[in-house]
Amino acid sequence: KENEMSHRVYLWLMQAEPFDVVHFSDVDGVGYWTLKAKYQGLAFQRMTTVVHMLAPHLWRKVGGLESLDNVRDLMVDFMQRESVRQADLVVAPSQFILNWAVDNGWEG
């Protein structure tokens, strides 16, 4: 589901008129395929990408004392981490979330 949505966004952006800036929420790694294409130099080279790190999946699961009990948890975590790493700019509503990401090995 998450991977499919991210791919749909990528396909839509490939066919749309070029944007100067595109903002992605971190939810389910929706920007993953678009950011990957830009990072690899395949598309979107003139577009600035911004990821809004609102509530990373792993942060919500661990903070809610929930177990990581399926592959989806790992896939979403990977897609979110990669999206943050490959974005031109990352913003968050608080320094706390940014500190949490750094403390948990996120790059970006």
N, C-alpha and C. Protein backbone atom coordinates (compact mmCIF):
# COMPACT_ATOMS: atom_id res chain seq x y z
N LYS A 1 0.82 -1.19 0.00
CA LYS A 1 0.00 0.00 0.00
C LYS A 1 0.87 1.26 0.00
N GLU A 2 1.81 1.37 0.95
CA GLU A 2 2.65 2.56 1.03
C GLU A 2 3.53 2.70 -0.21
N ASN A 3 4.14 1.60 -0.59
CA ASN A 3 5.02 1.60 -1.76
C ASN A 3 4.23 1.98 -3.01
N GLU A 4 3.01 1.46 -3.11
CA GLU A 4 2.17 1.75 -4.27
C GLU A 4 1.80 3.24 -4.33
N MET A 5 1.44 3.82 -3.20
CA MET A 5 1.08 5.24 -3.17
C MET A 5 2.28 6.11 -3.55
N SER A 6 3.44 5.79 -3.01
CA SER A 6 4.64 6.54 -3.34
C SER A 6 4.94 6.46 -4.84
N HIS A 7 4.74 5.30 -5.41
CA HIS A 7 4.99 5.13 -6.84
C HIS A 7 3.97 5.91 -7.67
N ARG A 8 2.73 5.93 -7.23
CA ARG A 8 1.71 6.71 -7.94
C ARG A 8 2.04 8.20 -7.93
N VAL A 9 2.51 8.69 -6.80
CA VAL A 9 2.90 10.10 -6.71
C VAL A 9 4.04 10.38 -7.68
N TYR A 10 5.02 9.50 -7.70
CA TYR A 10 6.15 9.63 -8.64
C TYR A 10 5.66 9.67 -10.09
N LEU A 11 4.80 8.75 -10.47
CA LEU A 11 4.30 8.71 -11.85
C LEU A 11 3.52 9.99 -12.18
N TRP A 12 2.72 10.47 -11.25
CA TRP A 12 1.96 11.69 -11.48
C TRP A 12 2.90 12.87 -11.68
N LEU A 13 3.90 13.00 -10.83
CA LEU A 13 4.84 14.11 -10.95
C LEU A 13 5.64 14.04 -12.25
N MET A 14 5.92 12.84 -12.73
CA MET A 14 6.64 12.69 -14.00
C MET A 14 5.83 13.24 -15.16
N GLN A 15 4.50 13.16 -15.07
CA GLN A 15 3.64 13.59 -16.17
C GLN A 15 3.14 15.03 -16.00
N ALA A 16 3.25 15.57 -14.80
CA ALA A 16 2.72 16.91 -14.51
C ALA A 16 3.68 17.98 -15.03
N GLU A 17 3.16 19.19 -15.10
CA GLU A 17 4.02 20.34 -15.38
C GLU A 17 5.07 20.42 -14.28
N PRO A 18 6.27 20.88 -14.59
CA PRO A 18 7.32 20.93 -13.57
C PRO A 18 6.95 21.88 -12.41
N PHE A 19 7.32 21.48 -11.23
CA PHE A 19 7.13 22.30 -10.04
C PHE A 19 8.48 22.86 -9.60
N ASP A 20 8.46 24.03 -8.99
CA ASP A 20 9.68 24.58 -8.41
C ASP A 20 10.01 23.88 -7.10
N VAL A 21 8.97 23.67 -6.28
CA VAL A 21 9.14 23.05 -4.97
C VAL A 21 8.01 22.06 -4.75
N VAL A 22 8.35 20.90 -4.19
CA VAL A 22 7.33 19.91 -3.81
C VAL A 22 7.56 19.56 -2.35
N HIS A 23 6.49 19.61 -1.58
CA HIS A 23 6.53 19.27 -0.16
C HIS A 23 5.89 17.89 0.04
N PHE A 24 6.56 17.05 0.82
CA PHE A 24 6.04 15.73 1.16
C PHE A 24 5.89 15.62 2.67
N SER A 25 4.83 14.99 3.10
CA SER A 25 4.71 14.58 4.49
C SER A 25 5.55 13.32 4.67
N ASP A 26 5.99 13.06 5.88
CA ASP A 26 6.72 11.82 6.13
C ASP A 26 5.80 10.61 6.21
N VAL A 27 4.50 10.83 6.27
CA VAL A 27 3.55 9.74 6.46
C VAL A 27 3.74 8.65 5.41
N ASP A 28 4.02 7.46 5.87
CA ASP A 28 4.18 6.27 5.03
C ASP A 28 5.22 6.41 3.93
N GLY A 29 6.11 7.38 4.01
CA GLY A 29 7.17 7.52 3.02
C GLY A 29 6.64 7.85 1.63
N VAL A 30 5.60 8.66 1.57
CA VAL A 30 4.91 8.93 0.30
C VAL A 30 5.83 9.56 -0.76
N GLY A 31 6.87 10.24 -0.36
CA GLY A 31 7.78 10.85 -1.33
C GLY A 31 8.93 9.97 -1.76
N TYR A 32 8.99 8.75 -1.26
CA TYR A 32 10.16 7.88 -1.46
C TYR A 32 10.60 7.76 -2.92
N TRP A 33 9.73 7.36 -3.83
CA TRP A 33 10.15 7.11 -5.22
C TRP A 33 10.53 8.39 -5.95
N THR A 34 9.84 9.48 -5.67
CA THR A 34 10.20 10.77 -6.27
C THR A 34 11.57 11.21 -5.80
N LEU A 35 11.80 11.12 -4.51
CA LEU A 35 13.09 11.52 -3.94
C LEU A 35 14.21 10.61 -4.42
N LYS A 36 13.93 9.33 -4.57
CA LYS A 36 14.94 8.38 -5.07
C LYS A 36 15.32 8.73 -6.50
N ALA A 37 14.33 9.04 -7.34
CA ALA A 37 14.62 9.39 -8.74
C ALA A 37 15.47 10.65 -8.81
N LYS A 38 15.16 11.64 -7.98
CA LYS A 38 15.96 12.86 -7.98
C LYS A 38 17.37 12.58 -7.49
N TYR A 39 17.50 11.84 -6.41
CA TYR A 39 18.79 11.52 -5.82
C TYR A 39 19.69 10.78 -6.81
N GLN A 40 19.09 9.91 -7.61
CA GLN A 40 19.86 9.14 -8.59
C GLN A 40 20.07 9.90 -9.90
N GLY A 41 19.55 11.12 -9.99
CA GLY A 41 19.74 11.93 -11.19
C GLY A 41 18.86 11.54 -12.36
N LEU A 42 17.78 10.82 -12.10
CA LEU A 42 16.90 10.34 -13.17
C LEU A 42 15.80 11.33 -13.53
N ALA A 43 15.44 12.22 -12.60
CA ALA A 43 14.34 13.17 -12.83
C ALA A 43 14.37 14.25 -11.75
N PHE A 44 13.60 15.28 -11.99
CA PHE A 44 13.33 16.32 -10.99
C PHE A 44 14.57 17.11 -10.54
N GLN A 45 15.55 17.25 -11.39
CA GLN A 45 16.78 17.91 -10.99
C GLN A 45 16.61 19.40 -10.68
N ARG A 46 15.61 20.03 -11.25
CA ARG A 46 15.40 21.46 -11.00
C ARG A 46 14.34 21.71 -9.92
N MET A 47 13.82 20.66 -9.35
CA MET A 47 12.77 20.76 -8.34
C MET A 47 13.38 20.64 -6.94
N THR A 48 13.01 21.56 -6.07
CA THR A 48 13.44 21.47 -4.67
C THR A 48 12.45 20.60 -3.91
N THR A 49 12.97 19.69 -3.11
CA THR A 49 12.11 18.78 -2.36
C THR A 49 12.23 19.05 -0.86
N VAL A 50 11.07 19.05 -0.21
CA VAL A 50 11.00 19.29 1.23
C VAL A 50 10.22 18.15 1.87
N VAL A 51 10.78 17.56 2.91
CA VAL A 51 10.05 16.54 3.68
C VAL A 51 9.72 17.12 5.04
N HIS A 52 8.45 17.02 5.39
CA HIS A 52 7.98 17.46 6.70
C HIS A 52 7.96 16.25 7.63
N MET A 53 8.89 16.22 8.56
CA MET A 53 8.99 15.12 9.51
C MET A 53 8.04 15.41 10.67
N LEU A 54 6.83 14.89 10.55
CA LEU A 54 5.79 15.20 11.53
C LEU A 54 5.74 14.18 12.66
N ALA A 55 5.74 12.90 12.30
CA ALA A 55 5.66 11.84 13.31
C ALA A 55 6.15 10.55 12.68
N PRO A 56 7.45 10.32 12.66
CA PRO A 56 7.97 9.10 12.05
C PRO A 56 7.30 7.84 12.61
N HIS A 57 7.11 6.87 11.75
CA HIS A 57 6.41 5.63 12.10
C HIS A 57 7.03 4.96 13.32
N LEU A 58 8.34 4.80 13.32
CA LEU A 58 9.02 4.14 14.43
C LEU A 58 8.86 4.95 15.72
N TRP A 59 8.91 6.25 15.63
CA TRP A 59 8.72 7.12 16.79
C TRP A 59 7.34 6.90 17.40
N ARG A 60 6.31 6.81 16.55
CA ARG A 60 4.95 6.57 17.03
C ARG A 60 4.82 5.18 17.66
N LYS A 61 5.39 4.17 17.00
CA LYS A 61 5.28 2.79 17.52
C LYS A 61 5.99 2.66 18.86
N VAL A 62 7.23 3.09 18.94
CA VAL A 62 8.01 2.96 20.17
C VAL A 62 7.40 3.84 21.27
N GLY A 63 7.03 5.05 20.91
CA GLY A 63 6.42 5.96 21.89
C GLY A 63 5.11 5.44 22.44
N GLY A 64 4.39 4.67 21.64
CA GLY A 64 3.13 4.08 22.07
C GLY A 64 3.30 2.71 22.68
N LEU A 65 4.56 2.31 22.91
CA LEU A 65 4.89 1.00 23.48
C LEU A 65 4.29 -0.14 22.67
N GLU A 66 4.27 0.03 21.35
CA GLU A 66 3.78 -1.00 20.45
C GLU A 66 4.96 -1.80 19.91
N SER A 67 4.71 -3.06 19.62
CA SER A 67 5.79 -3.89 19.08
C SER A 67 5.91 -3.68 17.57
N LEU A 68 7.11 -3.90 17.07
CA LEU A 68 7.34 -3.90 15.62
C LEU A 68 7.11 -5.34 15.20
N ASP A 69 5.91 -5.63 14.73
CA ASP A 69 5.52 -7.03 14.56
C ASP A 69 5.19 -7.43 13.13
N ASN A 70 5.54 -6.59 12.16
CA ASN A 70 5.30 -7.00 10.78
C ASN A 70 6.27 -6.29 9.84
N VAL A 71 6.33 -6.78 8.64
CA VAL A 71 7.25 -6.24 7.64
C VAL A 71 6.89 -4.80 7.30
N ARG A 72 5.62 -4.46 7.35
CA ARG A 72 5.19 -3.10 7.04
C ARG A 72 5.93 -2.08 7.91
N ASP A 73 6.10 -2.39 9.19
CA ASP A 73 6.81 -1.47 10.08
C ASP A 73 8.22 -1.17 9.56
N LEU A 74 8.91 -2.20 9.13
CA LEU A 74 10.28 -2.03 8.62
C LEU A 74 10.30 -1.29 7.29
N MET A 75 9.33 -1.60 6.43
CA MET A 75 9.27 -0.96 5.12
C MET A 75 8.99 0.54 5.26
N VAL A 76 8.02 0.89 6.09
CA VAL A 76 7.68 2.30 6.27
C VAL A 76 8.85 3.04 6.90
N ASP A 77 9.49 2.45 7.90
CA ASP A 77 10.65 3.07 8.53
C ASP A 77 11.75 3.33 7.49
N PHE A 78 12.02 2.34 6.65
CA PHE A 78 13.05 2.50 5.61
C PHE A 78 12.69 3.62 4.64
N MET A 79 11.44 3.62 4.16
CA MET A 79 11.02 4.63 3.20
C MET A 79 11.07 6.04 3.80
N GLN A 80 10.72 6.16 5.07
CA GLN A 80 10.79 7.47 5.72
C GLN A 80 12.23 7.92 5.90
N ARG A 81 13.09 7.03 6.36
CA ARG A 81 14.50 7.38 6.56
C ARG A 81 15.15 7.80 5.24
N GLU A 82 14.89 7.04 4.19
CA GLU A 82 15.46 7.37 2.88
C GLU A 82 14.91 8.69 2.35
N SER A 83 13.64 8.94 2.57
CA SER A 83 13.04 10.20 2.12
C SER A 83 13.71 11.38 2.80
N VAL A 84 13.93 11.28 4.10
CA VAL A 84 14.60 12.35 4.84
C VAL A 84 16.03 12.51 4.35
N ARG A 85 16.72 11.40 4.14
CA ARG A 85 18.12 11.45 3.71
C ARG A 85 18.27 12.09 2.34
N GLN A 86 17.32 11.87 1.45
CA GLN A 86 17.45 12.32 0.06
C GLN A 86 16.77 13.65 -0.23
N ALA A 87 16.04 14.19 0.72
CA ALA A 87 15.35 15.47 0.51
C ALA A 87 16.36 16.63 0.49
N ASP A 88 15.99 17.68 -0.21
CA ASP A 88 16.82 18.89 -0.20
C ASP A 88 16.71 19.61 1.14
N LEU A 89 15.55 19.53 1.75
CA LEU A 89 15.31 20.23 3.01
C LEU A 89 14.36 19.39 3.86
N VAL A 90 14.62 19.34 5.16
CA VAL A 90 13.76 18.63 6.10
C VAL A 90 13.32 19.62 7.17
N VAL A 91 12.03 19.63 7.45
CA VAL A 91 11.50 20.48 8.50
C VAL A 91 10.69 19.62 9.47
N ALA A 92 10.61 20.08 10.71
CA ALA A 92 9.86 19.36 11.73
C ALA A 92 9.17 20.37 12.63
N PRO A 93 8.07 19.97 13.28
CA PRO A 93 7.36 20.89 14.15
C PRO A 93 8.08 21.17 15.47
N SER A 94 9.09 20.35 15.77
CA SER A 94 9.81 20.58 17.03
C SER A 94 11.25 20.09 16.93
N GLN A 95 12.09 20.68 17.73
CA GLN A 95 13.48 20.22 17.82
C GLN A 95 13.53 18.81 18.41
N PHE A 96 12.55 18.47 19.23
CA PHE A 96 12.50 17.15 19.85
C PHE A 96 12.49 16.04 18.80
N ILE A 97 11.66 16.19 17.77
CA ILE A 97 11.59 15.16 16.73
C ILE A 97 12.90 15.09 15.95
N LEU A 98 13.49 16.23 15.64
CA LEU A 98 14.78 16.22 14.94
C LEU A 98 15.85 15.55 15.80
N ASN A 99 15.88 15.86 17.09
CA ASN A 99 16.85 15.22 17.99
C ASN A 99 16.62 13.72 18.06
N TRP A 100 15.35 13.31 18.13
CA TRP A 100 15.03 11.88 18.16
C TRP A 100 15.57 11.20 16.91
N ALA A 101 15.37 11.81 15.76
CA ALA A 101 15.84 11.22 14.50
C ALA A 101 17.36 11.06 14.51
N VAL A 102 18.07 12.09 14.91
CA VAL A 102 19.54 12.02 14.97
C VAL A 102 19.97 10.94 15.95
N ASP A 103 19.35 10.90 17.12
CA ASP A 103 19.70 9.91 18.14
C ASP A 103 19.43 8.48 17.69
N ASN A 104 18.53 8.32 16.71
CA ASN A 104 18.18 6.99 16.22
C ASN A 104 18.78 6.69 14.85
N GLY A 105 19.83 7.42 14.50
CA GLY A 105 20.61 7.08 13.32
C GLY A 105 20.09 7.58 11.99
N TRP A 106 19.15 8.52 12.00
CA TRP A 106 18.65 9.06 10.74
C TRP A 106 19.69 10.01 10.17
N GLU A 107 19.84 9.97 8.85
CA GLU A 107 20.72 10.90 8.15
C GLU A 107 19.86 11.91 7.41
N GLY A 108 20.40 13.06 7.18
CA GLY A 108 19.65 14.03 6.39
C GLY A 108 19.97 15.44 6.75
